[in-house]
Amino acid sequence: MIQEGAFRVFRQEGMERVNARSVARELGCSTQPIFSYFSGMNELKTDIERRAYAQFYEAIRPALAKDDALSACCLGYVDFAGAEPQLFRYLFIESDSGTKNFCGDDALPKELFEQTAVAYHLDAERARMLCLTAAAYTHGMATAMVTQAVRVNAEEAKKKIQALIVREAGALA
């Protein structure tokens, strides 16, 4: 119950607003139950961070089963950013691990490289390059969308990402 209340505060207001008082207010109780169950706010925040990553991976995982898994993963990332802007902001903009969780060589599943090689008729290294380029571009578009640094909506971002993938795949072929 406490974790759910803290997660609701996180989703609505961001991690910086998750504190004993905001969680207690969400739950309609005093702060005492929070500290009875958790040793401190850091423990609670670690729990809700794990839950946020789990929710992200749950949203993206089905994309790996698609014929064009690269496009599906990138578009799923944009959808997650639009649906969960506070979670996206924390996980991929503000977090110390940030872009490493989506754009890094070790962050993308190896099967994505393999599926991309087959889908776009590329060798392994070129498929890896395409995946990393698409991931970096997608992260930029989703970040611009969430921070409103550039006026772009999810549909525009998706069209631009798909065009980039097709263009880059053609250039690498």
Protein backbone atom coordinates (compact mmCIF):
# COMPACT_ATOMS: atom_id res chain seq x y z
CA MET A 1 0.00 0.00 0.00
CA ILE A 2 2.80 2.44 0.89
CA GLN A 3 4.71 1.58 -2.29
CA GLU A 4 1.60 2.11 -4.40
CA GLY A 5 0.96 5.52 -2.83
CA ALA A 6 4.59 6.54 -3.31
CA PHE A 7 4.48 5.33 -6.92
CA ARG A 8 1.36 7.40 -7.59
CA VAL A 9 3.10 10.51 -6.23
CA PHE A 10 6.12 9.69 -8.41
CA ARG A 11 4.02 9.24 -11.57
CA GLN A 12 2.04 12.42 -11.01
CA GLU A 13 4.62 14.79 -9.59
CA GLY A 14 8.09 13.31 -10.11
CA MET A 15 10.67 11.72 -7.83
CA GLU A 16 11.69 15.06 -6.33
CA ARG A 17 8.20 15.32 -4.78
CA VAL A 18 8.32 11.87 -3.19
CA ASN A 19 8.81 12.48 0.52
CA ALA A 20 7.21 11.18 3.69
CA ARG A 21 4.65 13.96 3.83
CA SER A 22 3.53 13.69 0.19
CA VAL A 23 3.20 9.90 0.46
CA ALA A 24 1.33 10.20 3.77
CA ARG A 25 -0.99 12.79 2.20
CA GLU A 26 -1.63 10.43 -0.75
CA LEU A 27 -2.42 7.59 1.65
CA GLY A 28 -4.46 9.72 4.06
CA CYS A 29 -2.32 8.83 7.07
CA SER A 30 0.56 10.15 9.15
CA THR A 31 4.21 9.63 8.21
CA GLN A 32 4.68 7.07 10.99
CA PRO A 33 3.54 4.00 8.99
CA ILE A 34 6.05 4.84 6.25
CA PHE A 35 8.96 4.76 8.67
CA SER A 36 7.59 1.66 10.38
CA TYR A 37 7.78 -0.24 7.09
CA PHE A 38 10.86 1.39 5.51
CA SER A 39 14.15 2.30 7.15
CA GLY A 40 14.11 5.61 5.30
CA MET A 41 12.98 7.39 2.17
CA ASN A 42 15.97 6.12 0.17
CA GLU A 43 14.74 2.56 0.60
CA LEU A 44 11.25 3.54 -0.57
CA LYS A 45 12.64 5.50 -3.53
CA THR A 46 14.81 2.54 -4.57
CA ASP A 47 11.70 0.38 -4.54
CA ILE A 48 9.69 2.75 -6.72
CA GLU A 49 12.63 3.23 -9.10
CA ARG A 50 12.76 -0.55 -9.62
CA ARG A 51 9.02 -0.51 -10.24
CA ALA A 52 9.41 2.28 -12.81
CA TYR A 53 12.09 0.32 -14.73
CA ALA A 54 9.89 -2.77 -14.62
CA GLN A 55 6.99 -0.80 -16.04
CA PHE A 56 9.19 0.56 -18.84
CA TYR A 57 10.53 -2.89 -19.78
CA GLU A 58 7.02 -4.33 -19.67
CA ALA A 59 5.93 -1.65 -22.15
CA ILE A 60 8.88 -2.24 -24.51
CA ARG A 61 9.26 -6.04 -24.32
CA PRO A 62 6.41 -6.88 -26.78
CA ALA A 63 8.20 -4.83 -29.46
CA LEU A 64 10.99 -7.42 -29.61
CA ALA A 65 8.51 -9.92 -31.05
CA LYS A 66 7.68 -7.70 -34.03
CA ASP A 67 9.16 -8.23 -37.51
CA ASP A 68 10.65 -4.75 -37.36
CA ALA A 69 11.65 -4.82 -33.71
CA LEU A 70 13.85 -1.73 -34.04
CA SER A 71 11.02 0.52 -35.19
CA ALA A 72 8.64 -1.02 -32.67
CA CYS A 73 11.08 -0.47 -29.77
CA CYS A 74 11.75 3.12 -30.79
CA LEU A 75 8.07 3.91 -31.19
CA GLY A 76 7.32 2.17 -27.89
CA TYR A 77 9.93 4.39 -26.22
CA VAL A 78 8.15 7.48 -27.55
CA ASP A 79 4.79 6.08 -26.41
CA PHE A 80 6.21 5.47 -22.92
CA ALA A 81 7.56 9.04 -22.79
CA GLY A 82 4.13 10.40 -23.75
CA ALA A 83 2.18 8.18 -21.38
CA GLU A 84 4.53 8.43 -18.41
CA PRO A 85 6.40 11.74 -18.66
CA GLN A 86 7.47 11.83 -14.99
CA LEU A 87 8.80 8.27 -15.10
CA PHE A 88 10.55 8.94 -18.41
CA ARG A 89 12.05 12.16 -17.09
CA TYR A 90 13.45 10.42 -14.03
CA LEU A 91 14.64 7.21 -15.70
CA PHE A 92 16.13 8.66 -18.88
CA ILE A 93 16.86 12.34 -18.29
CA GLU A 94 17.56 12.93 -14.61
CA SER A 95 18.92 9.57 -13.52
CA ASP A 96 22.68 9.05 -13.36
CA SER A 97 22.30 6.01 -15.62
CA GLY A 98 20.01 7.94 -18.00
CA THR A 99 20.63 7.33 -21.69
CA LYS A 100 22.79 4.29 -20.94
CA ASN A 101 19.53 2.50 -20.26
CA PHE A 102 18.33 2.84 -23.83
CA CYS A 103 21.10 4.17 -26.04
CA GLY A 104 24.17 2.32 -24.86
CA ASP A 105 25.73 -0.62 -26.66
CA ASP A 106 25.20 -2.81 -23.61
CA ALA A 107 21.68 -1.51 -22.95
CA LEU A 108 20.02 -2.71 -26.12
CA PRO A 109 19.17 -6.40 -26.23
CA LYS A 110 21.50 -8.41 -28.50
CA GLU A 111 18.48 -9.99 -30.18
CA LEU A 112 17.51 -6.51 -31.37
CA PHE A 113 20.78 -6.30 -33.33
CA GLU A 114 20.14 -9.75 -34.81
CA GLN A 115 16.52 -8.97 -35.74
CA THR A 116 17.58 -5.66 -37.30
CA ALA A 117 20.23 -7.41 -39.39
CA VAL A 118 17.58 -9.76 -40.79
CA ALA A 119 14.86 -7.11 -41.24
CA TYR A 120 17.14 -4.67 -43.08
CA HIS A 121 19.54 -7.15 -44.74
CA LEU A 122 22.60 -5.79 -42.91
CA ASP A 123 25.68 -7.44 -41.49
CA ALA A 124 25.98 -7.55 -37.70
CA GLU A 125 28.12 -4.41 -37.34
CA ARG A 126 25.90 -2.29 -39.57
CA ALA A 127 22.79 -3.53 -37.77
CA ARG A 128 24.41 -2.53 -34.47
CA MET A 129 25.21 0.93 -35.87
CA LEU A 130 21.64 1.35 -37.10
CA CYS A 131 20.24 0.34 -33.70
CA LEU A 132 22.50 2.74 -31.81
CA THR A 133 21.78 5.62 -34.20
CA ALA A 134 18.03 5.03 -34.00
CA ALA A 135 18.14 4.73 -30.21
CA ALA A 136 20.07 7.99 -29.80
CA TYR A 137 17.74 9.84 -32.19
CA THR A 138 14.68 8.36 -30.49
CA HIS A 139 15.97 9.39 -27.07
CA GLY A 140 16.46 12.93 -28.34
CA MET A 141 12.97 13.12 -29.81
CA ALA A 142 11.34 11.67 -26.69
CA THR A 143 13.33 14.01 -24.46
CA ALA A 144 12.36 17.02 -26.57
CA MET A 145 8.74 15.91 -26.37
CA VAL A 146 8.76 15.47 -22.57
CA THR A 147 10.74 18.61 -21.75
CA GLN A 148 8.91 20.62 -24.42
CA ALA A 149 12.32 21.89 -25.56
CA VAL A 150 11.05 21.55 -29.12
CA ARG A 151 7.41 21.56 -30.10
CA VAL A 152 6.89 18.01 -31.29
CA ASN A 153 4.07 15.63 -30.54
CA ALA A 154 4.28 11.85 -30.38
CA GLU A 155 2.95 11.28 -33.89
CA GLU A 156 5.43 13.72 -35.45
CA ALA A 157 8.25 12.16 -33.46
CA LYS A 158 7.26 8.67 -34.62
CA LYS A 159 7.18 9.72 -38.29
CA LYS A 160 10.62 11.31 -38.00
CA ILE A 161 12.04 8.24 -36.26
CA GLN A 162 10.64 5.87 -38.89
CA ALA A 163 12.03 8.09 -41.67
CA LEU A 164 15.45 8.12 -40.00
CA ILE A 165 15.52 4.34 -39.67
CA VAL A 166 14.60 3.82 -43.33
CA ARG A 167 17.11 6.44 -44.49
CA GLU A 168 19.95 5.11 -42.33
CA ALA A 169 19.21 1.49 -43.22
CA GLY A 170 19.38 2.41 -46.90
CA ALA A 171 22.67 4.22 -46.41
CA LEU A 172 24.17 1.25 -44.55
CA ALA A 173 23.01 -1.38 -47.03
